Amino acid sequence: MKICKNLLTNIYPYVLLLMMIAIALYSTRPVSLQIRWNDETLYYTVAQNIVRNFDFNSHHYLASSIIEKGYPTKDTHLPGYPLILAVGFLIGGINERTPFL
Protein backbone atom coordinates (compact mmCIF):
# COMPACT_ATOMS: atom_id res chain seq x y z
CA MET A 1 0.00 0.00 0.00
CA LYS A 2 2.86 2.35 0.83
CA ILE A 3 4.51 1.71 -2.55
CA CYS A 4 1.27 2.57 -4.35
CA LYS A 5 0.90 5.80 -2.34
CA ASN A 6 4.52 6.81 -3.08
CA LEU A 7 4.02 6.06 -6.76
CA LEU A 8 0.90 8.24 -6.92
CA THR A 9 2.68 11.01 -5.05
CA ASN A 10 5.59 10.92 -7.51
CA ILE A 11 3.43 10.70 -10.64
CA TYR A 12 0.79 13.28 -9.66
CA PRO A 13 2.85 16.40 -10.59
CA TYR A 14 3.63 14.95 -14.03
CA VAL A 15 0.01 14.05 -14.69
CA LEU A 16 -1.04 17.54 -13.63
CA LEU A 17 1.61 19.08 -15.89
CA LEU A 18 0.49 16.95 -18.85
CA MET A 19 -3.13 17.99 -18.28
CA MET A 20 -2.13 21.67 -18.18
CA ILE A 21 -0.12 21.30 -21.40
CA ALA A 22 -3.02 19.52 -23.12
CA ILE A 23 -5.44 22.29 -22.09
CA ALA A 24 -3.02 25.00 -23.24
CA LEU A 25 -2.47 23.30 -26.62
CA TYR A 26 -6.19 22.80 -27.11
CA SER A 27 -7.04 26.39 -26.23
CA THR A 28 -4.35 27.86 -28.53
CA ARG A 29 -4.94 25.59 -31.53
CA PRO A 30 -5.52 27.40 -34.82
CA VAL A 31 -9.14 27.57 -35.93
CA SER A 32 -8.09 26.76 -39.46
CA LEU A 33 -4.77 26.23 -41.12
CA GLN A 34 -4.64 29.55 -42.93
CA ILE A 35 -2.27 32.48 -42.78
CA ARG A 36 -4.20 35.58 -41.76
CA TRP A 37 -2.14 38.31 -40.06
CA ASN A 38 0.29 40.77 -41.63
CA ASP A 39 3.32 39.38 -39.81
CA GLU A 40 2.39 35.85 -40.82
CA THR A 41 2.26 36.77 -44.49
CA LEU A 42 5.53 38.69 -44.19
CA TYR A 43 7.37 35.80 -42.54
CA TYR A 44 5.80 33.34 -45.00
CA THR A 45 6.95 35.43 -47.97
CA VAL A 46 10.49 35.85 -46.62
CA ALA A 47 10.75 32.10 -45.93
CA GLN A 48 9.56 31.36 -49.48
CA ASN A 49 12.15 33.78 -50.86
CA ILE A 50 14.88 32.13 -48.78
CA VAL A 51 13.98 28.66 -50.08
CA ARG A 52 13.53 29.69 -53.71
CA ASN A 53 16.24 32.36 -54.24
CA PHE A 54 18.15 32.70 -50.93
CA ASP A 55 16.67 36.21 -50.78
CA PHE A 56 15.95 37.71 -47.35
CA ASN A 57 13.78 40.56 -48.69
CA SER A 58 10.05 40.57 -48.09
CA HIS A 59 9.01 42.79 -51.00
CA HIS A 60 6.22 44.10 -48.78
CA TYR A 61 5.66 47.81 -48.36
CA LEU A 62 4.05 49.65 -45.47
CA ALA A 63 0.92 51.58 -46.39
CA SER A 64 1.51 53.89 -43.42
CA SER A 65 4.83 55.06 -44.89
CA ILE A 66 3.15 55.83 -48.22
CA ILE A 67 0.53 57.90 -46.39
CA GLU A 68 3.02 59.67 -44.08
CA LYS A 69 6.02 60.12 -46.37
CA GLY A 70 4.53 59.88 -49.83
CA TYR A 71 6.77 56.97 -50.85
CA PRO A 72 7.03 53.34 -49.77
CA THR A 73 9.61 52.12 -47.31
CA LYS A 74 10.43 48.48 -46.79
CA ASP A 75 9.13 46.57 -43.80
CA THR A 76 12.07 45.06 -41.91
CA HIS A 77 12.00 42.03 -39.62
CA LEU A 78 14.76 39.89 -38.17
CA PRO A 79 15.43 36.71 -40.19
CA GLY A 80 15.28 34.18 -37.31
CA TYR A 81 11.69 33.02 -37.66
CA PRO A 82 11.73 33.06 -41.49
CA LEU A 83 14.84 30.86 -41.37
CA ILE A 84 13.00 28.35 -39.18
CA LEU A 85 10.03 28.46 -41.57
CA ALA A 86 12.39 28.00 -44.53
CA VAL A 87 13.70 24.77 -42.99
CA GLY A 88 10.09 23.64 -42.59
CA PHE A 89 9.40 24.54 -46.21
CA LEU A 90 12.43 22.51 -47.31
CA ILE A 91 11.12 19.49 -45.38
CA GLY A 92 7.36 19.81 -45.91
CA GLY A 93 7.13 21.81 -49.11
CA ILE A 94 5.98 25.38 -49.62
CA ASN A 95 2.30 25.46 -48.69
CA GLU A 96 0.05 27.03 -46.07
CA ARG A 97 -0.08 23.93 -43.86
CA THR A 98 3.66 23.62 -43.28
CA PRO A 99 3.98 26.47 -40.73
CA PHE A 100 1.31 24.82 -38.58
CA LEU A 101 2.94 21.39 -38.41
C-alpha atoms as a PDB file:
ATOM      1  CA  MET A   1       0.000   0.000   0.000  1.00  0.00           C
ATOM      2  CA  LYS A   2       2.858   2.345   0.835  1.00  0.00           C
ATOM      3  CA  ILE A   3       4.511   1.710  -2.549  1.00  0.00           C
ATOM      4  CA  CYS A   4       1.267   2.574  -4.347  1.00  0.00           C
ATOM      5  CA  LYS A   5       0.903   5.795  -2.345  1.00  0.00           C
ATOM      6  CA  ASN A   6       4.525   6.813  -3.078  1.00  0.00           C
ATOM      7  CA  LEU A   7       4.023   6.059  -6.757  1.00  0.00           C
ATOM      8  CA  LEU A   8       0.903   8.236  -6.916  1.00  0.00           C
ATOM      9  CA  THR A   9       2.681  11.010  -5.046  1.00  0.00           C
ATOM     10  CA  ASN A  10       5.589  10.917  -7.507  1.00  0.00           C
ATOM     11  CA  ILE A  11       3.428  10.699 -10.642  1.00  0.00           C
ATOM     12  CA  TYR A  12       0.792  13.279  -9.655  1.00  0.00           C
ATOM     13  CA  PRO A  13       2.847  16.403 -10.588  1.00  0.00           C
ATOM     14  CA  TYR A  14       3.629  14.951 -14.027  1.00  0.00           C
ATOM     15  CA  VAL A  15       0.007  14.046 -14.691  1.00  0.00           C
ATOM     16  CA  LEU A  16      -1.043  17.541 -13.627  1.00  0.00           C
ATOM     17  CA  LEU A  17       1.607  19.082 -15.893  1.00  0.00           C
ATOM     18  CA  LEU A  18       0.487  16.955 -18.850  1.00  0.00           C
ATOM     19  CA  MET A  19      -3.131  17.990 -18.280  1.00  0.00           C
ATOM     20  CA  MET A  20      -2.130  21.673 -18.181  1.00  0.00           C
ATOM     21  CA  ILE A  21      -0.121  21.298 -21.402  1.00  0.00           C
ATOM     22  CA  ALA A  22      -3.023  19.520 -23.117  1.00  0.00           C
ATOM     23  CA  ILE A  23      -5.439  22.290 -22.091  1.00  0.00           C
ATOM     24  CA  ALA A  24      -3.016  24.996 -23.244  1.00  0.00           C
ATOM     25  CA  LEU A  25      -2.467  23.304 -26.618  1.00  0.00           C
ATOM     26  CA  TYR A  26      -6.188  22.797 -27.107  1.00  0.00           C
ATOM     27  CA  SER A  27      -7.041  26.391 -26.233  1.00  0.00           C
ATOM     28  CA  THR A  28      -4.351  27.857 -28.531  1.00  0.00           C
ATOM     29  CA  ARG A  29      -4.939  25.591 -31.534  1.00  0.00           C
ATOM     30  CA  PRO A  30      -5.521  27.396 -34.822  1.00  0.00           C
ATOM     31  CA  VAL A  31      -9.138  27.575 -35.931  1.00  0.00           C
ATOM     32  CA  SER A  32      -8.091  26.765 -39.463  1.00  0.00           C
ATOM     33  CA  LEU A  33      -4.767  26.229 -41.124  1.00  0.00           C
ATOM     34  CA  GLN A  34      -4.636  29.549 -42.929  1.00  0.00           C
ATOM     35  CA  ILE A  35      -2.269  32.478 -42.777  1.00  0.00           C
ATOM     36  CA  ARG A  36      -4.198  35.583 -41.761  1.00  0.00           C
ATOM     37  CA  TRP A  37      -2.142  38.308 -40.058  1.00  0.00           C
ATOM     38  CA  ASN A  38       0.290  40.769 -41.628  1.00  0.00           C
ATOM     39  CA  ASP A  39       3.315  39.380 -39.808  1.00  0.00           C
ATOM     40  CA  GLU A  40       2.387  35.850 -40.819  1.00  0.00           C
ATOM     41  CA  THR A  41       2.262  36.774 -44.492  1.00  0.00           C
ATOM     42  CA  LEU A  42       5.525  38.690 -44.187  1.00  0.00           C
ATOM     43  CA  TYR A  43       7.366  35.796 -42.540  1.00  0.00           C
ATOM     44  CA  TYR A  44       5.800  33.337 -44.996  1.00  0.00           C
ATOM     45  CA  THR A  45       6.948  35.428 -47.965  1.00  0.00           C
ATOM     46  CA  VAL A  46      10.488  35.854 -46.622  1.00  0.00           C
ATOM     47  CA  ALA A  47      10.749  32.100 -45.925  1.00  0.00           C
ATOM     48  CA  GLN A  48       9.562  31.364 -49.477  1.00  0.00           C
ATOM     49  CA  ASN A  49      12.150  33.785 -50.860  1.00  0.00           C
ATOM     50  CA  ILE A  50      14.883  32.128 -48.780  1.00  0.00           C
ATOM     51  CA  VAL A  51      13.980  28.664 -50.080  1.00  0.00           C
ATOM     52  CA  ARG A  52      13.531  29.693 -53.709  1.00  0.00           C
ATOM     53  CA  ASN A  53      16.236  32.363 -54.241  1.00  0.00           C
ATOM     54  CA  PHE A  54      18.148  32.701 -50.931  1.00  0.00           C
ATOM     55  CA  ASP A  55      16.666  36.213 -50.780  1.00  0.00           C
ATOM     56  CA  PHE A  56      15.953  37.712 -47.350  1.00  0.00           C
ATOM     57  CA  ASN A  57      13.781  40.562 -48.690  1.00  0.00           C
ATOM     58  CA  SER A  58      10.053  40.566 -48.089  1.00  0.00           C
ATOM     59  CA  HIS A  59       9.011  42.787 -51.004  1.00  0.00           C
ATOM     60  CA  HIS A  60       6.215  44.102 -48.780  1.00  0.00           C
ATOM     61  CA  TYR A  61       5.656  47.813 -48.364  1.00  0.00           C
ATOM     62  CA  LEU A  62       4.055  49.653 -45.474  1.00  0.00           C
ATOM     63  CA  ALA A  63       0.925  51.582 -46.392  1.00  0.00           C
ATOM     64  CA  SER A  64       1.512  53.894 -43.423  1.00  0.00           C
ATOM     65  CA  SER A  65       4.834  55.061 -44.891  1.00  0.00           C
ATOM     66  CA  ILE A  66       3.148  55.826 -48.216  1.00  0.00           C
ATOM     67  CA  ILE A  67       0.527  57.897 -46.389  1.00  0.00           C
ATOM     68  CA  GLU A  68       3.016  59.671 -44.080  1.00  0.00           C
ATOM     69  CA  LYS A  69       6.025  60.117 -46.374  1.00  0.00           C
ATOM     70  CA  GLY A  70       4.528  59.880 -49.829  1.00  0.00           C
ATOM     71  CA  TYR A  71       6.766  56.965 -50.848  1.00  0.00           C
ATOM     72  CA  PRO A  72       7.027  53.337 -49.771  1.00  0.00           C
ATOM     73  CA  THR A  73       9.608  52.116 -47.310  1.00  0.00           C
ATOM     74  CA  LYS A  74      10.427  48.483 -46.787  1.00  0.00           C
ATOM     75  CA  ASP A  75       9.129  46.575 -43.804  1.00  0.00           C
ATOM     76  CA  THR A  76      12.069  45.065 -41.911  1.00  0.00           C
ATOM     77  CA  HIS A  77      11.997  42.030 -39.617  1.00  0.00           C
ATOM     78  CA  LEU A  78      14.763  39.895 -38.171  1.00  0.00           C
ATOM     79  CA  PRO A  79      15.425  36.707 -40.191  1.00  0.00           C
ATOM     80  CA  GLY A  80      15.282  34.176 -37.308  1.00  0.00           C
ATOM     81  CA  TYR A  81      11.689  33.020 -37.661  1.00  0.00           C
ATOM     82  CA  PRO A  82      11.730  33.060 -41.487  1.00  0.00           C
ATOM     83  CA  LEU A  83      14.840  30.855 -41.374  1.00  0.00           C
ATOM     84  CA  ILE A  84      12.997  28.349 -39.184  1.00  0.00           C
ATOM     85  CA  LEU A  85      10.031  28.460 -41.569  1.00  0.00           C
ATOM     86  CA  ALA A  86      12.388  28.000 -44.528  1.00  0.00           C
ATOM     87  CA  VAL A  87      13.701  24.773 -42.986  1.00  0.00           C
ATOM     88  CA  GLY A  88      10.094  23.642 -42.585  1.00  0.00           C
ATOM     89  CA  PHE A  89       9.400  24.535 -46.215  1.00  0.00           C
ATOM     90  CA  LEU A  90      12.425  22.507 -47.312  1.00  0.00           C
ATOM     91  CA  ILE A  91      11.121  19.491 -45.380  1.00  0.00           C
ATOM     92  CA  GLY A  92       7.360  19.807 -45.909  1.00  0.00           C
ATOM     93  CA  GLY A  93       7.135  21.814 -49.115  1.00  0.00           C
ATOM     94  CA  ILE A  94       5.978  25.384 -49.622  1.00  0.00           C
ATOM     95  CA  ASN A  95       2.296  25.457 -48.690  1.00  0.00           C
ATOM     96  CA  GLU A  96       0.048  27.032 -46.069  1.00  0.00           C
ATOM     97  CA  ARG A  97      -0.082  23.928 -43.861  1.00  0.00           C
ATOM     98  CA  THR A  98       3.662  23.620 -43.282  1.00  0.00           C
ATOM     99  CA  PRO A  99       3.982  26.470 -40.727  1.00  0.00           C
ATOM    100  CA  PHE A 100       1.311  24.821 -38.579  1.00  0.00           C
ATOM    101  CA  LEU A 101       2.940  21.388 -38.410  1.00  0.00           C
END
